[in-house]
Amino acid sequence: MKTEIKTILEAVKDGEMSVEDALLAIKKEPFADIGYAKIDLHRDIRQGMPEVIYGAGKTAEQMIGIAEKMKQNGQNTILITRLSPNAAEQIGALHEMAYHADAKIGIIGSVPLPSGIGKIVVATGGTSDFPVAEEAALTAEVYGNEVVRLYDVGVAGLHRLLAHLDEIMSASVIVAIAGMEGALASVIGGLADCPVIAVPTSIGYGASFHGVSALLSMLNSCASGVSVVNIDNGFGAGYLASMINHMEAK
């Protein structure tokens, strides 16, 4: 992935930026302390992906202040996760933001064009997994990925999944999201030739233990190439999928 610092160095090489301007850009303070938050301004330089605002537990005023500081420091696209409708309304009054209520995702600014090496497939066992799936899909899109959504293709009707073998076999990474017994990840892991990121959800009856059953099933998958993130962690899965989809020969 072309990180900000690599872009700066290439601009100097091509004569599009002076050494002095490049040094100033690199020397900017690594974080901004605004009292209630220390905003990591160098994350994009270090990791190629800027900081995200985790909305749960923060007031709308706090998130507005954080977003303003990010924009002042050149962050054009800001992702806010676990954002409540009430806070979204307050933030939207001051910032141009697209709010996706089901996923509880707010996106300030424009979504960049896809820059990954391939496509990310986000698949769910059932429609009830939609909120977690959209959190993963929108996160991946914000980080510059083309996302293919395959929803409600769980093992209770395996033919629904098998009807999409072309999408599965052509993906560069797959996010498999399921509750109940979480079998979808193992099935996809046995079909695909790319990394599979399993996301257990808290969907299911009593013995699912709010996602623990799916989590343990996914951790015990006999399919190679399956990794697992935390229960309902669509953001973490989308973020990791983007990192994989932007890997380049070093």
C-alpha atoms as a PDB file:
ATOM      1  CA  MET A   1       0.000   0.000   0.000  1.00  0.00           C
ATOM      2  CA  LYS A   2       1.249   3.488  -0.798  1.00  0.00           C
ATOM      3  CA  THR A   3       1.350   5.194   2.566  1.00  0.00           C
ATOM      4  CA  GLU A   4       1.471   8.935   3.003  1.00  0.00           C
ATOM      5  CA  ILE A   5       5.212   8.984   3.669  1.00  0.00           C
ATOM      6  CA  LYS A   6       5.910   6.921   0.538  1.00  0.00           C
ATOM      7  CA  THR A   7       3.818   9.359  -1.491  1.00  0.00           C
ATOM      8  CA  ILE A   8       5.801  12.277  -0.043  1.00  0.00           C
ATOM      9  CA  LEU A   9       9.129  10.639  -0.914  1.00  0.00           C
ATOM     10  CA  GLU A  10       7.957   9.876  -4.449  1.00  0.00           C
ATOM     11  CA  ALA A  11       6.847  13.502  -4.862  1.00  0.00           C
ATOM     12  CA  VAL A  12      10.359  14.650  -3.890  1.00  0.00           C
ATOM     13  CA  LYS A  13      11.892  12.148  -6.316  1.00  0.00           C
ATOM     14  CA  ASP A  14       9.666  13.372  -9.153  1.00  0.00           C
ATOM     15  CA  GLY A  15      10.387  17.033  -8.385  1.00  0.00           C
ATOM     16  CA  GLU A  16       6.800  17.743  -7.350  1.00  0.00           C
ATOM     17  CA  MET A  17       7.733  18.656  -3.758  1.00  0.00           C
ATOM     18  CA  SER A  18      10.765  20.358  -2.288  1.00  0.00           C
ATOM     19  CA  VAL A  19      12.916  18.698   0.363  1.00  0.00           C
ATOM     20  CA  GLU A  20      11.936  21.455   2.816  1.00  0.00           C
ATOM     21  CA  ASP A  21       8.200  20.905   2.266  1.00  0.00           C
ATOM     22  CA  ALA A  22       8.638  17.140   2.602  1.00  0.00           C
ATOM     23  CA  LEU A  23      10.547  17.549   5.856  1.00  0.00           C
ATOM     24  CA  LEU A  24       7.800  19.800   7.203  1.00  0.00           C
ATOM     25  CA  ALA A  25       5.119  17.262   6.284  1.00  0.00           C
ATOM     26  CA  ILE A  26       6.979  14.416   7.975  1.00  0.00           C
ATOM     27  CA  LYS A  27       7.859  16.445  11.082  1.00  0.00           C
ATOM     28  CA  LYS A  28       4.269  17.371  11.936  1.00  0.00           C
ATOM     29  CA  GLU A  29       3.359  16.453  15.490  1.00  0.00           C
ATOM     30  CA  PRO A  30       2.535  12.750  15.884  1.00  0.00           C
ATOM     31  CA  PHE A  31      -0.630  13.345  17.889  1.00  0.00           C
ATOM     32  CA  ALA A  32      -2.952  16.141  18.930  1.00  0.00           C
ATOM     33  CA  ASP A  33      -3.929  16.435  22.601  1.00  0.00           C
ATOM     34  CA  ILE A  34      -7.361  18.056  22.897  1.00  0.00           C
ATOM     35  CA  GLY A  35      -7.849  17.212  26.568  1.00  0.00           C
ATOM     36  CA  TYR A  36     -10.335  14.365  26.381  1.00  0.00           C
ATOM     37  CA  ALA A  37      -8.579  12.629  23.474  1.00  0.00           C
ATOM     38  CA  LYS A  38      -5.097  12.215  22.023  1.00  0.00           C
ATOM     39  CA  ILE A  39      -5.599  11.909  18.274  1.00  0.00           C
ATOM     40  CA  ASP A  40      -3.028   9.797  16.440  1.00  0.00           C
ATOM     41  CA  LEU A  41      -2.081  11.924  13.426  1.00  0.00           C
ATOM     42  CA  HIS A  42       0.769   9.652  12.318  1.00  0.00           C
ATOM     43  CA  ARG A  43      -1.244   6.432  12.052  1.00  0.00           C
ATOM     44  CA  ASP A  44      -1.723   6.875   8.326  1.00  0.00           C
ATOM     45  CA  ILE A  45       2.036   7.366   7.903  1.00  0.00           C
ATOM     46  CA  ARG A  46       2.885   4.323  10.052  1.00  0.00           C
ATOM     47  CA  GLN A  47       0.177   1.946   8.878  1.00  0.00           C
ATOM     48  CA  GLY A  48      -1.301   3.410   5.710  1.00  0.00           C
ATOM     49  CA  MET A  49      -4.722   3.671   7.390  1.00  0.00           C
ATOM     50  CA  PRO A  50      -5.812   6.713   9.440  1.00  0.00           C
ATOM     51  CA  GLU A  51      -7.328   6.634  12.899  1.00  0.00           C
ATOM     52  CA  VAL A  52     -11.008   5.764  13.354  1.00  0.00           C
ATOM     53  CA  ILE A  53     -13.444   7.225  15.899  1.00  0.00           C
ATOM     54  CA  TYR A  54     -15.064   4.574  18.114  1.00  0.00           C
ATOM     55  CA  GLY A  55     -18.411   6.151  18.895  1.00  0.00           C
ATOM     56  CA  ALA A  56     -19.666   4.044  21.802  1.00  0.00           C
ATOM     57  CA  GLY A  57     -19.175   5.852  25.092  1.00  0.00           C
ATOM     58  CA  LYS A  58     -18.296   9.192  23.491  1.00  0.00           C
ATOM     59  CA  THR A  59     -20.575  12.230  23.466  1.00  0.00           C
ATOM     60  CA  ALA A  60     -21.516  13.882  20.204  1.00  0.00           C
ATOM     61  CA  GLU A  61     -19.570  16.972  21.281  1.00  0.00           C
ATOM     62  CA  GLN A  62     -16.425  14.889  21.813  1.00  0.00           C
ATOM     63  CA  MET A  63     -16.721  13.232  18.420  1.00  0.00           C
ATOM     64  CA  ILE A  64     -17.326  16.592  16.741  1.00  0.00           C
ATOM     65  CA  GLY A  65     -14.146  17.937  18.321  1.00  0.00           C
ATOM     66  CA  ILE A  66     -12.120  14.902  17.288  1.00  0.00           C
ATOM     67  CA  ALA A  67     -13.437  15.038  13.718  1.00  0.00           C
ATOM     68  CA  GLU A  68     -12.654  18.747  13.435  1.00  0.00           C
ATOM     69  CA  LYS A  69      -9.053  18.170  14.529  1.00  0.00           C
ATOM     70  CA  MET A  70      -8.696  15.286  12.069  1.00  0.00           C
ATOM     71  CA  LYS A  71      -9.979  17.457   9.212  1.00  0.00           C
ATOM     72  CA  GLN A  72      -7.645  20.300  10.201  1.00  0.00           C
ATOM     73  CA  ASN A  73      -4.759  17.869   9.834  1.00  0.00           C
ATOM     74  CA  GLY A  74      -5.718  16.739   6.363  1.00  0.00           C
ATOM     75  CA  GLN A  75      -7.822  13.623   6.993  1.00  0.00           C
ATOM     76  CA  ASN A  76     -10.403  13.800   4.203  1.00  0.00           C
ATOM     77  CA  THR A  77     -12.397  10.685   5.104  1.00  0.00           C
ATOM     78  CA  ILE A  78     -13.352   9.954   8.705  1.00  0.00           C
ATOM     79  CA  LEU A  79     -14.963   6.706   9.838  1.00  0.00           C
ATOM     80  CA  ILE A  80     -17.056   6.620  13.015  1.00  0.00           C
ATOM     81  CA  THR A  81     -18.123   3.191  14.314  1.00  0.00           C
ATOM     82  CA  ARG A  82     -20.839   2.228  16.816  1.00  0.00           C
ATOM     83  CA  LEU A  83     -22.507   5.584  16.312  1.00  0.00           C
ATOM     84  CA  SER A  84     -25.969   6.086  17.800  1.00  0.00           C
ATOM     85  CA  PRO A  85     -28.736   7.763  15.761  1.00  0.00           C
ATOM     86  CA  ASN A  86     -28.984  10.651  18.239  1.00  0.00           C
ATOM     87  CA  ALA A  87     -25.246  11.392  18.102  1.00  0.00           C
ATOM     88  CA  ALA A  88     -25.282  10.991  14.331  1.00  0.00           C
ATOM     89  CA  GLU A  89     -27.979  13.656  14.019  1.00  0.00           C
ATOM     90  CA  GLN A  90     -25.925  16.117  16.076  1.00  0.00           C
ATOM     91  CA  ILE A  91     -22.709  15.418  14.145  1.00  0.00           C
ATOM     92  CA  GLY A  92     -24.540  15.603  10.824  1.00  0.00           C
ATOM     93  CA  ALA A  93     -25.690  19.127  11.642  1.00  0.00           C
ATOM     94  CA  LEU A  94     -22.062  20.302  11.578  1.00  0.00           C
ATOM     95  CA  HIS A  95     -20.319  17.870   9.233  1.00  0.00           C
ATOM     96  CA  GLU A  96     -21.426  16.422   5.918  1.00  0.00           C
ATOM     97  CA  MET A  97     -21.816  12.796   6.975  1.00  0.00           C
ATOM     98  CA  ALA A  98     -23.441   9.680   5.552  1.00  0.00           C
ATOM     99  CA  TYR A  99     -25.027   7.666   8.367  1.00  0.00           C
ATOM    100  CA  HIS A 100     -25.756   3.957   7.978  1.00  0.00           C
ATOM    101  CA  ALA A 101     -28.156   3.203  10.815  1.00  0.00           C
ATOM    102  CA  ASP A 102     -28.129  -0.608  10.579  1.00  0.00           C
ATOM    103  CA  ALA A 103     -24.339  -0.759  10.802  1.00  0.00           C
ATOM    104  CA  LYS A 104     -24.145   2.223  13.190  1.00  0.00           C
ATOM    105  CA  ILE A 105     -21.474   3.675  10.890  1.00  0.00           C
ATOM    106  CA  GLY A 106     -20.924   7.339  10.099  1.00  0.00           C
ATOM    107  CA  ILE A 107     -18.678   8.423   7.210  1.00  0.00           C
ATOM    108  CA  ILE A 108     -17.547  12.048   6.997  1.00  0.00           C
ATOM    109  CA  GLY A 109     -16.188  12.964   3.585  1.00  0.00           C
ATOM    110  CA  SER A 110     -16.031  10.951   0.395  1.00  0.00           C
ATOM    111  CA  VAL A 111     -15.264   7.244   0.075  1.00  0.00           C
ATOM    112  CA  PRO A 112     -12.085   6.745  -1.992  1.00  0.00           C
ATOM    113  CA  LEU A 113     -11.965   4.746  -5.196  1.00  0.00           C
ATOM    114  CA  PRO A 114     -10.880   1.105  -4.784  1.00  0.00           C
ATOM    115  CA  SER A 115      -7.098   0.677  -4.720  1.00  0.00           C
ATOM    116  CA  GLY A 116      -6.774  -2.916  -3.502  1.00  0.00           C
ATOM    117  CA  ILE A 117      -5.293  -5.776  -5.498  1.00  0.00           C
ATOM    118  CA  GLY A 118      -8.631  -7.585  -5.743  1.00  0.00           C
ATOM    119  CA  LYS A 119     -12.119  -7.888  -4.335  1.00  0.00           C
ATOM    120  CA  ILE A 120     -13.245  -8.471  -0.752  1.00  0.00           C
ATOM    121  CA  VAL A 121     -16.249 -10.760  -0.384  1.00  0.00           C
ATOM    122  CA  VAL A 122     -18.422 -10.239   2.707  1.00  0.00           C
ATOM    123  CA  ALA A 123     -20.718 -13.228   3.265  1.00  0.00           C
ATOM    124  CA  THR A 124     -23.304 -13.843   5.985  1.00  0.00           C
ATOM    125  CA  GLY A 125     -25.092 -16.921   7.248  1.00  0.00           C
ATOM    126  CA  GLY A 126     -28.391 -15.082   7.613  1.00  0.00           C
ATOM    127  CA  THR A 127     -30.138 -11.744   7.228  1.00  0.00           C
ATOM    128  CA  SER A 128     -29.872 -11.223  10.996  1.00  0.00           C
ATOM    129  CA  ASP A 129     -26.099 -10.876  10.561  1.00  0.00           C
ATOM    130  CA  PHE A 130     -26.617  -7.845   8.299  1.00  0.00           C
ATOM    131  CA  PRO A 131     -25.566  -5.111  10.807  1.00  0.00           C
ATOM    132  CA  VAL A 132     -22.188  -6.736  11.510  1.00  0.00           C
ATOM    133  CA  ALA A 133     -21.699  -7.466   7.813  1.00  0.00           C
ATOM    134  CA  GLU A 134     -22.371  -3.872   6.832  1.00  0.00           C
ATOM    135  CA  GLU A 135     -19.928  -2.650   9.482  1.00  0.00           C
ATOM    136  CA  ALA A 136     -17.285  -4.859   7.840  1.00  0.00           C
ATOM    137  CA  ALA A 137     -18.235  -3.938   4.276  1.00  0.00           C
ATOM    138  CA  LEU A 138     -18.405  -0.186   4.859  1.00  0.00           C
ATOM    139  CA  THR A 139     -15.104  -0.239   6.756  1.00  0.00           C
ATOM    140  CA  ALA A 140     -13.445  -2.005   3.832  1.00  0.00           C
ATOM    141  CA  GLU A 141     -14.918   0.481   1.357  1.00  0.00           C
ATOM    142  CA  VAL A 142     -13.719   3.470   3.384  1.00  0.00           C
ATOM    143  CA  TYR A 143     -10.203   2.023   3.178  1.00  0.00           C
ATOM    144  CA  GLY A 144     -10.318   1.758  -0.598  1.00  0.00           C
ATOM    145  CA  ASN A 145     -11.616  -1.713  -1.440  1.00  0.00           C
ATOM    146  CA  GLU A 146     -14.164  -3.124  -3.856  1.00  0.00           C
ATOM    147  CA  VAL A 147     -16.630  -5.169  -1.804  1.00  0.00           C
ATOM    148  CA  VAL A 148     -18.925  -7.953  -3.015  1.00  0.00           C
ATOM    149  CA  ARG A 149     -21.813  -8.674  -0.649  1.00  0.00           C
ATOM    150  CA  LEU A 150     -23.205 -12.229  -0.380  1.00  0.00           C
ATOM    151  CA  TYR A 151     -25.884 -12.099   2.300  1.00  0.00           C
ATOM    152  CA  ASP A 152     -28.085 -14.910   3.643  1.00  0.00           C
ATOM    153  CA  VAL A 153     -26.047 -17.786   2.183  1.00  0.00           C
ATOM    154  CA  GLY A 154     -25.796 -19.928   5.324  1.00  0.00           C
ATOM    155  CA  VAL A 155     -25.424 -23.683   5.625  1.00  0.00           C
ATOM    156  CA  ALA A 156     -29.127 -24.251   6.284  1.00  0.00           C
ATOM    157  CA  GLY A 157     -29.486 -23.842   2.517  1.00  0.00           C
ATOM    158  CA  LEU A 158     -26.030 -24.646   1.174  1.00  0.00           C
ATOM    159  CA  HIS A 159     -27.144 -24.307  -2.463  1.00  0.00           C
ATOM    160  CA  ARG A 160     -27.416 -20.549  -1.906  1.00  0.00           C
ATOM    161  CA  LEU A 161     -23.680 -20.356  -1.223  1.00  0.00           C
ATOM    162  CA  LEU A 162     -22.706 -22.755  -4.004  1.00  0.00           C
ATOM    163  CA  ALA A 163     -24.533 -20.531  -6.487  1.00  0.00           C
ATOM    164  CA  HIS A 164     -21.799 -17.926  -5.883  1.00  0.00           C
ATOM    165  CA  LEU A 165     -18.677 -20.031  -6.416  1.00  0.00           C
ATOM    166  CA  ASP A 166     -17.354 -17.591  -9.034  1.00  0.00           C
ATOM    167  CA  GLU A 167     -17.360 -14.728  -6.520  1.00  0.00           C
ATOM    168  CA  ILE A 168     -15.819 -16.915  -3.811  1.00  0.00           C
ATOM    169  CA  MET A 169     -13.037 -18.279  -6.009  1.00  0.00           C
ATOM    170  CA  SER A 170     -12.137 -14.867  -7.461  1.00  0.00           C
ATOM    171  CA  ALA A 171     -11.903 -13.030  -4.108  1.00  0.00           C
ATOM    172  CA  SER A 172      -8.594 -11.883  -2.646  1.00  0.00           C
ATOM    173  CA  VAL A 173      -9.985 -12.181   0.898  1.00  0.00           C
ATOM    174  CA  ILE A 174     -13.342 -13.288   2.317  1.00  0.00           C
ATOM    175  CA  VAL A 175     -15.109 -12.161   5.487  1.00  0.00           C
ATOM    176  CA  ALA A 176     -17.450 -14.928   6.684  1.00  0.00           C
ATOM    177  CA  ILE A 177     -20.011 -13.731   9.227  1.00  0.00           C
ATOM    178  CA  ALA A 178     -22.357 -16.064  11.091  1.00  0.00           C
ATOM    179  CA  GLY A 179     -24.077 -16.681  14.385  1.00  0.00           C
ATOM    180  CA  MET A 180     -25.768 -19.875  15.635  1.00  0.00           C
ATOM    181  CA  GLU A 181     -23.101 -22.612  15.255  1.00  0.00           C
ATOM    182  CA  GLY A 182     -20.900 -20.477  12.972  1.00  0.00           C
ATOM    183  CA  ALA A 183     -20.397 -23.186  10.341  1.00  0.00           C
ATOM    184  CA  LEU A 184     -20.254 -20.799   7.383  1.00  0.00           C
ATOM    185  CA  ALA A 185     -16.585 -19.946   7.943  1.00  0.00           C
ATOM    186  CA  SER A 186     -15.489 -23.591   7.762  1.00  0.00           C
ATOM    187  CA  VAL A 187     -17.505 -24.234   4.606  1.00  0.00           C
ATOM    188  CA  ILE A 188     -16.093 -21.160   2.853  1.00  0.00           C
ATOM    189  CA  GLY A 189     -12.624 -21.981   4.158  1.00  0.00           C
ATOM    190  CA  GLY A 190     -12.889 -25.377   2.479  1.00  0.00           C
ATOM    191  CA  LEU A 191     -13.812 -23.804  -0.863  1.00  0.00           C
ATOM    192  CA  ALA A 192     -11.717 -20.658  -1.168  1.00  0.00           C
ATOM    193  CA  ASP A 193      -8.063 -20.269  -2.138  1.00  0.00           C
ATOM    194  CA  CYS A 194      -7.651 -16.995  -0.244  1.00  0.00           C
ATOM    195  CA  PRO A 195      -7.553 -15.926   3.437  1.00  0.00           C
ATOM    196  CA  VAL A 196     -10.886 -16.180   5.266  1.00  0.00           C
ATOM    197  CA  ILE A 197     -11.682 -13.914   8.211  1.00  0.00           C
ATOM    198  CA  ALA A 198     -14.402 -15.397  10.401  1.00  0.00           C
ATOM    199  CA  VAL A 199     -16.696 -13.133  12.425  1.00  0.00           C
ATOM    200  CA  PRO A 200     -18.940 -14.789  15.021  1.00  0.00           C
ATOM    201  CA  THR A 201     -22.120 -12.853  15.765  1.00  0.00           C
ATOM    202  CA  SER A 202     -24.304 -12.807  18.848  1.00  0.00           C
ATOM    203  CA  ILE A 203     -27.262 -14.124  16.823  1.00  0.00           C
ATOM    204  CA  GLY A 204     -28.819 -17.369  18.051  1.00  0.00           C
ATOM    205  CA  TYR A 205     -30.941 -19.089  20.687  1.00  0.00           C
ATOM    206  CA  GLY A 206     -29.960 -19.611  24.315  1.00  0.00           C
ATOM    207  CA  ALA A 207     -27.203 -22.183  23.901  1.00  0.00           C
ATOM    208  CA  SER A 208     -25.407 -19.910  21.455  1.00  0.00           C
ATOM    209  CA  PHE A 209     -24.402 -17.882  24.553  1.00  0.00           C
ATOM    210  CA  HIS A 210     -24.563 -14.556  22.686  1.00  0.00           C
ATOM    211  CA  GLY A 211     -22.005 -15.639  20.105  1.00  0.00           C
ATOM    212  CA  VAL A 212     -19.662 -17.758  22.209  1.00  0.00           C
ATOM    213  CA  SER A 213     -20.760 -20.965  20.460  1.00  0.00           C
ATOM    214  CA  ALA A 214     -20.039 -19.482  17.038  1.00  0.00           C
ATOM    215  CA  LEU A 215     -16.723 -18.120  18.299  1.00  0.00           C
ATOM    216  CA  LEU A 216     -15.591 -21.525  19.566  1.00  0.00           C
ATOM    217  CA  SER A 217     -16.758 -23.252  16.387  1.00  0.00           C
ATOM    218  CA  MET A 218     -14.778 -20.841  14.245  1.00  0.00           C
ATOM    219  CA  LEU A 219     -11.691 -21.149  16.427  1.00  0.00           C
ATOM    220  CA  ASN A 220     -11.936 -24.935  16.048  1.00  0.00           C
ATOM    221  CA  SER A 221     -12.412 -24.832  12.269  1.00  0.00           C
ATOM    222  CA  CYS A 222     -10.695 -27.713  10.466  1.00  0.00           C
ATOM    223  CA  ALA A 223     -10.397 -25.586   7.311  1.00  0.00           C
ATOM    224  CA  SER A 224      -6.919 -24.120   6.864  1.00  0.00           C
ATOM    225  CA  GLY A 225      -6.536 -20.398   6.250  1.00  0.00           C
ATOM    226  CA  VAL A 226      -9.355 -19.293   8.555  1.00  0.00           C
ATOM    227  CA  SER A 227      -8.636 -16.621  11.175  1.00  0.00           C
ATOM    228  CA  VAL A 228     -11.141 -15.317  13.719  1.00  0.00           C
ATOM    229  CA  VAL A 229     -11.935 -11.890  15.171  1.00  0.00           C
ATOM    230  CA  ASN A 230     -14.061 -11.081  18.197  1.00  0.00           C
ATOM    231  CA  ILE A 231     -17.832 -11.470  18.457  1.00  0.00           C
ATOM    232  CA  ASP A 232     -19.699  -8.863  16.358  1.00  0.00           C
ATOM    233  CA  ASN A 233     -16.396  -7.199  15.382  1.00  0.00           C
ATOM    234  CA  GLY A 234     -17.263  -6.281  11.822  1.00  0.00           C
ATOM    235  CA  PHE A 235     -14.927  -3.296  11.930  1.00  0.00           C
ATOM    236  CA  GLY A 236     -11.918  -5.424  12.868  1.00  0.00           C
ATOM    237  CA  ALA A 237     -12.678  -7.878  10.073  1.00  0.00           C
ATOM    238  CA  GLY A 238     -13.100  -5.143   7.466  1.00  0.00           C
ATOM    239  CA  TYR A 239      -9.883  -3.458   8.578  1.00  0.00           C
ATOM    240  CA  LEU A 240      -7.872  -6.696   8.431  1.00  0.00           C
ATOM    241  CA  ALA A 241      -9.379  -7.615   5.072  1.00  0.00           C
ATOM    242  CA  SER A 242      -8.274  -4.239   3.703  1.00  0.00           C
ATOM    243  CA  MET A 243      -4.724  -4.780   4.950  1.00  0.00           C
ATOM    244  CA  ILE A 244      -4.585  -8.153   3.193  1.00  0.00           C
ATOM    245  CA  ASN A 245      -6.088  -6.717   0.019  1.00  0.00           C
ATOM    246  CA  HIS A 246      -3.440  -3.987  -0.107  1.00  0.00           C
ATOM    247  CA  MET A 247      -0.382  -6.218   0.359  1.00  0.00           C
ATOM    248  CA  GLU A 248       2.339  -5.547  -2.200  1.00  0.00           C
ATOM    249  CA  ALA A 249       5.714  -7.135  -2.859  1.00  0.00           C
ATOM    250  CA  LYS A 250       8.236  -5.273  -0.749  1.00  0.00           C
END
